[in-house]
């Protein structure tokens, strides 16, 4: 649910969000910095075999973004069992991606 101020043109907001999301000048990455999870839900099928994202894969993500020179907006979403278990990876990637964006 999203709460907006009275008088807000919600159609305009929705249209701009749609245009922005599917524009060639926008890039949205969903990054899984670790497969580790500290919840251990009984229904989970994961083996938790892998730890943090390898540095080579982190470098590949930065290279991918660097090569997309037409991108004017970068959005990053973190995914996984518990991304903050790999906070070093998250902070490192955000620092490098921030430098690319600047």
C-alpha atoms as a PDB file:
ATOM      1  CA  UNK A   1       0.000   0.000   0.000  1.00  0.00           C
ATOM      2  CA  UNK A   2       1.211   3.496  -0.822  1.00  0.00           C
ATOM      3  CA  UNK A   3      -0.225   6.552   0.885  1.00  0.00           C
ATOM      4  CA  UNK A   4      -0.184   9.794  -1.086  1.00  0.00           C
ATOM      5  CA  UNK A   5      -1.256  13.302  -0.251  1.00  0.00           C
ATOM      6  CA  UNK A   6      -4.736  14.413  -1.206  1.00  0.00           C
ATOM      7  CA  UNK A   7      -4.761  15.996  -4.640  1.00  0.00           C
ATOM      8  CA  UNK A   8      -1.843  13.879  -5.898  1.00  0.00           C
ATOM      9  CA  UNK A   9      -2.233  12.786  -9.499  1.00  0.00           C
ATOM     10  CA  UNK A  10      -1.758   9.038  -8.979  1.00  0.00           C
ATOM     11  CA  UNK A  11      -2.204   8.268 -12.670  1.00  0.00           C
ATOM     12  CA  UNK A  12       0.702  10.578 -13.478  1.00  0.00           C
ATOM     13  CA  UNK A  13       2.866   8.959 -10.763  1.00  0.00           C
ATOM     14  CA  UNK A  14       2.049   5.447 -11.997  1.00  0.00           C
ATOM     15  CA  UNK A  15       2.741   6.411 -15.610  1.00  0.00           C
ATOM     16  CA  UNK A  16       6.112   7.968 -14.732  1.00  0.00           C
ATOM     17  CA  UNK A  17       7.077   4.935 -12.653  1.00  0.00           C
ATOM     18  CA  UNK A  18       6.222   2.660 -15.592  1.00  0.00           C
ATOM     19  CA  UNK A  19       8.117   4.779 -18.110  1.00  0.00           C
ATOM     20  CA  UNK A  20      11.090   5.066 -15.783  1.00  0.00           C
ATOM     21  CA  UNK A  21      11.206   1.349 -15.011  1.00  0.00           C
ATOM     22  CA  UNK A  22      11.103   0.190 -18.627  1.00  0.00           C
ATOM     23  CA  UNK A  23      13.202   2.963 -20.115  1.00  0.00           C
ATOM     24  CA  UNK A  24      16.473   2.029 -21.794  1.00  0.00           C
ATOM     25  CA  UNK A  25      18.119   4.692 -19.639  1.00  0.00           C
ATOM     26  CA  UNK A  26      17.248   2.835 -16.413  1.00  0.00           C
ATOM     27  CA  UNK A  27      18.908  -0.274 -15.028  1.00  0.00           C
ATOM     28  CA  UNK A  28      17.545  -2.261 -12.097  1.00  0.00           C
ATOM     29  CA  UNK A  29      19.781  -4.968 -10.653  1.00  0.00           C
ATOM     30  CA  UNK A  30      18.677  -7.582  -8.155  1.00  0.00           C
ATOM     31  CA  UNK A  31      21.839  -8.784  -6.450  1.00  0.00           C
ATOM     32  CA  UNK A  32      22.192 -11.823  -4.189  1.00  0.00           C
ATOM     33  CA  UNK A  33      25.384 -11.196  -2.191  1.00  0.00           C
ATOM     34  CA  UNK A  34      25.133 -14.496  -0.302  1.00  0.00           C
ATOM     35  CA  UNK A  35      23.042 -17.636  -0.238  1.00  0.00           C
ATOM     36  CA  UNK A  36      23.488 -17.825   3.516  1.00  0.00           C
ATOM     37  CA  UNK A  37      20.479 -17.309   5.732  1.00  0.00           C
ATOM     38  CA  UNK A  38      20.100 -17.136   9.468  1.00  0.00           C
ATOM     39  CA  UNK A  39      16.392 -18.014   9.563  1.00  0.00           C
ATOM     40  CA  UNK A  40      16.590 -21.734   8.736  1.00  0.00           C
ATOM     41  CA  UNK A  41      12.884 -22.017   7.972  1.00  0.00           C
ATOM     42  CA  UNK A  42      11.651 -25.611   8.176  1.00  0.00           C
ATOM     43  CA  UNK A  43      10.231 -25.502   4.646  1.00  0.00           C
ATOM     44  CA  UNK A  44      13.374 -24.110   3.016  1.00  0.00           C
ATOM     45  CA  UNK A  45      14.997 -26.211   0.298  1.00  0.00           C
ATOM     46  CA  UNK A  46      18.370 -24.410   0.244  1.00  0.00           C
ATOM     47  CA  UNK A  47      21.555 -26.217   1.209  1.00  0.00           C
ATOM     48  CA  UNK A  48      23.444 -23.017   2.065  1.00  0.00           C
ATOM     49  CA  UNK A  49      26.500 -24.492   0.351  1.00  0.00           C
ATOM     50  CA  UNK A  50      27.822 -21.192  -0.978  1.00  0.00           C
ATOM     51  CA  UNK A  51      29.011 -18.299   1.116  1.00  0.00           C
ATOM     52  CA  UNK A  52      29.553 -14.742  -0.060  1.00  0.00           C
ATOM     53  CA  UNK A  53      29.591 -13.661  -3.684  1.00  0.00           C
ATOM     54  CA  UNK A  54      33.025 -14.163  -5.222  1.00  0.00           C
ATOM     55  CA  UNK A  55      35.116 -11.027  -5.872  1.00  0.00           C
ATOM     56  CA  UNK A  56      35.280 -11.940  -9.571  1.00  0.00           C
ATOM     57  CA  UNK A  57      31.478 -11.832  -9.784  1.00  0.00           C
ATOM     58  CA  UNK A  58      31.423  -8.500  -7.948  1.00  0.00           C
ATOM     59  CA  UNK A  59      33.904  -7.137 -10.489  1.00  0.00           C
ATOM     60  CA  UNK A  60      31.738  -8.482 -13.321  1.00  0.00           C
ATOM     61  CA  UNK A  61      28.704  -6.603 -11.961  1.00  0.00           C
ATOM     62  CA  UNK A  62      30.676  -3.351 -11.804  1.00  0.00           C
ATOM     63  CA  UNK A  63      31.973  -3.957 -15.337  1.00  0.00           C
ATOM     64  CA  UNK A  64      28.426  -4.631 -16.573  1.00  0.00           C
ATOM     65  CA  UNK A  65      27.205  -1.318 -15.158  1.00  0.00           C
ATOM     66  CA  UNK A  66      30.270   0.545 -16.444  1.00  0.00           C
ATOM     67  CA  UNK A  67      29.604  -0.683 -19.984  1.00  0.00           C
ATOM     68  CA  UNK A  68      26.020   0.651 -19.908  1.00  0.00           C
ATOM     69  CA  UNK A  69      26.939   4.282 -20.602  1.00  0.00           C
ATOM     70  CA  UNK A  70      23.402   5.153 -21.744  1.00  0.00           C
ATOM     71  CA  UNK A  71      22.024   4.386 -18.275  1.00  0.00           C
ATOM     72  CA  UNK A  72      21.015   7.474 -16.317  1.00  0.00           C
ATOM     73  CA  UNK A  73      19.329   5.728 -13.380  1.00  0.00           C
ATOM     74  CA  UNK A  74      20.639   2.707 -11.497  1.00  0.00           C
ATOM     75  CA  UNK A  75      18.495   0.888  -8.953  1.00  0.00           C
ATOM     76  CA  UNK A  76      19.881  -1.929  -6.811  1.00  0.00           C
ATOM     77  CA  UNK A  77      17.740  -4.367  -4.842  1.00  0.00           C
ATOM     78  CA  UNK A  78      19.313  -6.878  -2.492  1.00  0.00           C
ATOM     79  CA  UNK A  79      17.977 -10.430  -2.509  1.00  0.00           C
ATOM     80  CA  UNK A  80      18.678 -13.677  -0.743  1.00  0.00           C
ATOM     81  CA  UNK A  81      18.131 -15.420   2.527  1.00  0.00           C
ATOM     82  CA  UNK A  82      19.628 -12.517   4.426  1.00  0.00           C
ATOM     83  CA  UNK A  83      21.738 -10.133   2.332  1.00  0.00           C
ATOM     84  CA  UNK A  84      23.115  -8.386   5.421  1.00  0.00           C
ATOM     85  CA  UNK A  85      25.035 -11.550   6.304  1.00  0.00           C
ATOM     86  CA  UNK A  86      27.281 -10.374   3.451  1.00  0.00           C
ATOM     87  CA  UNK A  87      27.340  -6.708   4.424  1.00  0.00           C
ATOM     88  CA  UNK A  88      30.984  -6.412   3.314  1.00  0.00           C
ATOM     89  CA  UNK A  89      29.936  -7.413  -0.207  1.00  0.00           C
ATOM     90  CA  UNK A  90      26.999  -5.003  -0.161  1.00  0.00           C
ATOM     91  CA  UNK A  91      29.082  -2.061   1.070  1.00  0.00           C
ATOM     92  CA  UNK A  92      31.894  -2.796  -1.373  1.00  0.00           C
ATOM     93  CA  UNK A  93      29.564  -3.083  -4.353  1.00  0.00           C
ATOM     94  CA  UNK A  94      27.620   0.048  -3.405  1.00  0.00           C
ATOM     95  CA  UNK A  95      30.861   1.989  -3.083  1.00  0.00           C
ATOM     96  CA  UNK A  96      32.098   0.812  -6.490  1.00  0.00           C
ATOM     97  CA  UNK A  97      28.724   1.336  -8.186  1.00  0.00           C
ATOM     98  CA  UNK A  98      28.441   4.775  -6.601  1.00  0.00           C
ATOM     99  CA  UNK A  99      31.811   5.694  -8.081  1.00  0.00           C
ATOM    100  CA  UNK A 100      30.659   4.501 -11.519  1.00  0.00           C
ATOM    101  CA  UNK A 101      27.497   6.589 -11.224  1.00  0.00           C
ATOM    102  CA  UNK A 102      29.399   9.721 -10.217  1.00  0.00           C
END
